């Protein structure tokens, strides 16, 4: 019997490996997060964005979504679904929306800002998201779910980076000023 439980390190490795099999690197995802946040922070580094992507890829819910999304795309390429869903997923029909639901599920782990960041990425399709979307239009290739999942991981990483920066700033400011008395 196959295993069904994995450690965070194993989930990260399995997600990274599946993404690599589909031609997606952690650095490409981190680049989108970096570009979303760099305009707000001059001191942002790619390393912080890479670490955020890696952390997100180790979460159980994200693990399940990444694994499922990649399998759906793979099975669609192999024409394993029945009509009409096979044709709908193969065409990446704009009105389908289930792929965006998986993306929103990932992004919602980081609240409304995560969802907003995902919406921006989904509409503007930066970097690897555009590449996946364009490749998915070719015969024999399906990235219906992958482009949204990758975009959502980037959005979550972007939001996580913003949260880290905000927390660091709050800690720095709290050292420079006395605490305010609490309001009752």
Foldseek 3Di string as FASTA:
>chain_A
DDDDDDALVVQLVVLQVLCVVVPDHLLQLLVLLCVVCCVPPVPDDSVLSSVLLSNLSSDPLLSVLSVVLSVVQLCLLVVVDDPPVSVCQLQLPPVPCPLLVSLCVLQCVLPPQSNVQLVVCVVVVDGPLVVLVVVSNDRSGGCSNVSSSSSSSSSNSSSVSVVVVVVVVVVVVCVVDPDDDDDD
